[in-house]
Amino acid sequence: MHALGLSPDIIDVPDPDGRLDEPCIVRGSAGASARTLYFHGHFDVVPAQDRRQFTAERRDGRIIGRGTADMKGGIVSMLYGAAARGSWACWARAGSCCTWCATRRPAASRAPDTCAAPA
């Protein structure tokens, strides 16, 4: 993140429902904008069923295996987009996770005091 000009700041966020494991907000700034750019995704993987799931395999020029697809590239794209467009914030939790990046407070219902990008 530092290489992209992002200055991450990790903040613990209490969960009012008590359902989230180790919630946090990672926020920072890469510029300023009056417009909001919102990203949403997740970076969890399906629970392991078999030890073979941890073995990657090359097939037809592609890597096939646990966590090699889904939203991983999307999250990287979001961070590059945030670096290109201005202020950003990322909300994440353990288990079934999601990530968002924005210039203002799109998650105000979840953590209204900590979601604003720092000045």
C-alpha atoms as a PDB file:
ATOM      1  CA  MET A   1       0.000   0.000   0.000  1.00  0.00           C
ATOM      2  CA  HIS A   2       2.836   2.389   0.788  1.00  0.00           C
ATOM      3  CA  ALA A   3       4.271   1.839  -2.715  1.00  0.00           C
ATOM      4  CA  LEU A   4       0.932   3.034  -4.164  1.00  0.00           C
ATOM      5  CA  GLY A   5       1.050   6.215  -2.117  1.00  0.00           C
ATOM      6  CA  LEU A   6      -1.521   4.905   0.377  1.00  0.00           C
ATOM      7  CA  SER A   7      -0.941   5.419   4.101  1.00  0.00           C
ATOM      8  CA  PRO A   8      -2.786   2.593   5.889  1.00  0.00           C
ATOM      9  CA  ASP A   9      -4.164   3.098   9.394  1.00  0.00           C
ATOM     10  CA  ILE A  10      -5.716   0.022  11.105  1.00  0.00           C
ATOM     11  CA  ILE A  11      -8.599   0.748  13.489  1.00  0.00           C
ATOM     12  CA  ASP A  12     -10.473  -1.767  15.657  1.00  0.00           C
ATOM     13  CA  VAL A  13     -14.242  -1.367  15.351  1.00  0.00           C
ATOM     14  CA  PRO A  14     -16.632  -2.726  17.991  1.00  0.00           C
ATOM     15  CA  ASP A  15     -19.465  -4.789  16.498  1.00  0.00           C
ATOM     16  CA  PRO A  16     -22.829  -3.806  18.018  1.00  0.00           C
ATOM     17  CA  ASP A  17     -24.299  -7.231  17.190  1.00  0.00           C
ATOM     18  CA  GLY A  18     -21.281  -9.232  18.418  1.00  0.00           C
ATOM     19  CA  ARG A  19     -21.179 -11.238  15.171  1.00  0.00           C
ATOM     20  CA  LEU A  20     -17.852 -10.163  13.638  1.00  0.00           C
ATOM     21  CA  ASP A  21     -14.523 -11.813  14.435  1.00  0.00           C
ATOM     22  CA  GLU A  22     -11.659  -9.331  14.746  1.00  0.00           C
ATOM     23  CA  PRO A  23     -13.237  -6.475  12.787  1.00  0.00           C
ATOM     24  CA  CYS A  24     -11.030  -3.631  11.650  1.00  0.00           C
ATOM     25  CA  ILE A  25     -10.987  -0.689   9.311  1.00  0.00           C
ATOM     26  CA  VAL A  26      -7.937   0.048   7.231  1.00  0.00           C
ATOM     27  CA  ARG A  27      -8.099   3.605   6.009  1.00  0.00           C
ATOM     28  CA  GLY A  28      -5.838   6.175   4.485  1.00  0.00           C
ATOM     29  CA  SER A  29      -5.526   8.920   1.940  1.00  0.00           C
ATOM     30  CA  ALA A  30      -4.132   9.170  -1.570  1.00  0.00           C
ATOM     31  CA  GLY A  31      -5.457  12.589  -2.464  1.00  0.00           C
ATOM     32  CA  ALA A  32      -8.719  14.496  -2.142  1.00  0.00           C
ATOM     33  CA  SER A  33     -12.007  14.464  -4.026  1.00  0.00           C
ATOM     34  CA  ALA A  34     -15.522  15.820  -3.570  1.00  0.00           C
ATOM     35  CA  ARG A  35     -16.939  12.695  -5.267  1.00  0.00           C
ATOM     36  CA  THR A  36     -17.367   9.233  -3.730  1.00  0.00           C
ATOM     37  CA  LEU A  37     -15.917   6.133  -5.350  1.00  0.00           C
ATOM     38  CA  TYR A  38     -17.267   2.946  -3.726  1.00  0.00           C
ATOM     39  CA  PHE A  39     -15.784  -0.572  -4.040  1.00  0.00           C
ATOM     40  CA  HIS A  40     -17.190  -3.765  -2.515  1.00  0.00           C
ATOM     41  CA  GLY A  41     -15.778  -7.295  -2.492  1.00  0.00           C
ATOM     42  CA  HIS A  42     -14.555 -10.120  -0.261  1.00  0.00           C
ATOM     43  CA  PHE A  43     -11.328 -12.031   0.315  1.00  0.00           C
ATOM     44  CA  ASP A  44     -12.455 -15.150   2.154  1.00  0.00           C
ATOM     45  CA  VAL A  45     -12.081 -18.679   0.787  1.00  0.00           C
ATOM     46  CA  VAL A  46     -14.354 -21.714   1.045  1.00  0.00           C
ATOM     47  CA  PRO A  47     -13.597 -23.790   4.173  1.00  0.00           C
ATOM     48  CA  ALA A  48     -11.156 -26.651   3.591  1.00  0.00           C
ATOM     49  CA  GLN A  49     -12.755 -30.044   2.936  1.00  0.00           C
ATOM     50  CA  ASP A  50      -9.630 -31.976   1.972  1.00  0.00           C
ATOM     51  CA  ARG A  51      -5.841 -31.401   2.248  1.00  0.00           C
ATOM     52  CA  ARG A  52      -5.618 -31.608  -1.559  1.00  0.00           C
ATOM     53  CA  GLN A  53      -7.376 -28.244  -1.706  1.00  0.00           C
ATOM     54  CA  PHE A  54      -4.098 -26.595  -0.621  1.00  0.00           C
ATOM     55  CA  THR A  55      -2.178 -27.964  -3.634  1.00  0.00           C
ATOM     56  CA  ALA A  56      -2.108 -25.730  -6.694  1.00  0.00           C
ATOM     57  CA  GLU A  57      -2.131 -27.278 -10.158  1.00  0.00           C
ATOM     58  CA  ARG A  58      -1.193 -25.869 -13.569  1.00  0.00           C
ATOM     59  CA  ARG A  59      -3.792 -26.651 -16.205  1.00  0.00           C
ATOM     60  CA  ASP A  60      -3.952 -25.147 -19.718  1.00  0.00           C
ATOM     61  CA  GLY A  61      -1.674 -22.255 -18.753  1.00  0.00           C
ATOM     62  CA  ARG A  62      -3.655 -21.413 -15.616  1.00  0.00           C
ATOM     63  CA  ILE A  63      -3.069 -22.000 -11.915  1.00  0.00           C
ATOM     64  CA  ILE A  64      -5.972 -23.892 -10.364  1.00  0.00           C
ATOM     65  CA  GLY A  65      -6.242 -24.013  -6.573  1.00  0.00           C
ATOM     66  CA  ARG A  66      -7.635 -22.588  -3.381  1.00  0.00           C
ATOM     67  CA  GLY A  67      -7.826 -18.792  -3.415  1.00  0.00           C
ATOM     68  CA  THR A  68      -6.310 -18.315  -6.893  1.00  0.00           C
ATOM     69  CA  ALA A  69      -9.377 -16.576  -8.307  1.00  0.00           C
ATOM     70  CA  ASP A  70     -12.590 -15.038  -7.035  1.00  0.00           C
ATOM     71  CA  MET A  71     -12.066 -11.506  -5.672  1.00  0.00           C
ATOM     72  CA  LYS A  72      -8.301 -11.464  -5.065  1.00  0.00           C
ATOM     73  CA  GLY A  73      -7.543  -9.643  -8.317  1.00  0.00           C
ATOM     74  CA  GLY A  74     -10.554  -7.428  -7.734  1.00  0.00           C
ATOM     75  CA  ILE A  75      -9.232  -6.260  -4.373  1.00  0.00           C
ATOM     76  CA  VAL A  76      -5.852  -5.416  -5.919  1.00  0.00           C
ATOM     77  CA  SER A  77      -7.674  -3.499  -8.672  1.00  0.00           C
ATOM     78  CA  MET A  78      -9.661  -1.627  -6.019  1.00  0.00           C
ATOM     79  CA  LEU A  79      -6.476  -0.525  -4.250  1.00  0.00           C
ATOM     80  CA  TYR A  80      -4.935   0.667  -7.519  1.00  0.00           C
ATOM     81  CA  GLY A  81      -8.191   2.488  -8.296  1.00  0.00           C
ATOM     82  CA  ALA A  82      -8.156   4.113  -4.860  1.00  0.00           C
ATOM     83  CA  ALA A  83      -4.562   5.222  -5.376  1.00  0.00           C
ATOM     84  CA  ALA A  84      -5.507   6.713  -8.746  1.00  0.00           C
ATOM     85  CA  ARG A  85      -8.732   8.399  -7.637  1.00  0.00           C
ATOM     86  CA  GLY A  86      -8.153   9.846  -4.148  1.00  0.00           C
ATOM     87  CA  SER A  87      -9.016   9.081  -0.552  1.00  0.00           C
ATOM     88  CA  TRP A  88      -9.819   5.498   0.406  1.00  0.00           C
ATOM     89  CA  ALA A  89     -10.867   3.203   3.240  1.00  0.00           C
ATOM     90  CA  CYS A  90     -11.085  -0.587   3.503  1.00  0.00           C
ATOM     91  CA  TRP A  91     -13.288  -2.462   5.957  1.00  0.00           C
ATOM     92  CA  ALA A  92     -12.488  -6.112   6.638  1.00  0.00           C
ATOM     93  CA  ARG A  93     -13.305  -8.896   9.082  1.00  0.00           C
ATOM     94  CA  ALA A  94     -12.106 -12.452   9.581  1.00  0.00           C
ATOM     95  CA  GLY A  95     -14.088 -15.346   8.085  1.00  0.00           C
ATOM     96  CA  SER A  96     -16.562 -14.294   5.411  1.00  0.00           C
ATOM     97  CA  CYS A  97     -15.061 -10.925   4.565  1.00  0.00           C
ATOM     98  CA  CYS A  98     -15.671  -7.857   2.520  1.00  0.00           C
ATOM     99  CA  THR A  99     -13.592  -4.887   1.479  1.00  0.00           C
ATOM    100  CA  TRP A 100     -14.675  -1.403   0.522  1.00  0.00           C
ATOM    101  CA  CYS A 101     -12.850   1.703  -0.558  1.00  0.00           C
ATOM    102  CA  ALA A 102     -14.326   5.184  -0.720  1.00  0.00           C
ATOM    103  CA  THR A 103     -13.704   8.915  -0.390  1.00  0.00           C
ATOM    104  CA  ARG A 104     -16.439   9.571   2.187  1.00  0.00           C
ATOM    105  CA  ARG A 105     -18.639   7.591   4.625  1.00  0.00           C
ATOM    106  CA  PRO A 106     -20.505   4.865   2.679  1.00  0.00           C
ATOM    107  CA  ALA A 107     -20.550   2.546   5.715  1.00  0.00           C
ATOM    108  CA  ALA A 108     -21.918   5.085   8.178  1.00  0.00           C
ATOM    109  CA  SER A 109     -24.466   2.577   9.462  1.00  0.00           C
ATOM    110  CA  ARG A 110     -21.633   0.229  10.525  1.00  0.00           C
ATOM    111  CA  ALA A 111     -18.971   2.540  11.927  1.00  0.00           C
ATOM    112  CA  PRO A 112     -19.938   6.190  11.389  1.00  0.00           C
ATOM    113  CA  ASP A 113     -17.097   7.661  13.449  1.00  0.00           C
ATOM    114  CA  THR A 114     -14.239   5.728  11.871  1.00  0.00           C
ATOM    115  CA  CYS A 115     -15.159   5.391   8.203  1.00  0.00           C
ATOM    116  CA  ALA A 116     -14.246   8.902   7.133  1.00  0.00           C
ATOM    117  CA  ALA A 117     -10.960   9.184   5.279  1.00  0.00           C
ATOM    118  CA  PRO A 118      -8.388  10.990   7.411  1.00  0.00           C
ATOM    119  CA  ALA A 119      -7.720  14.655   6.718  1.00  0.00           C
END
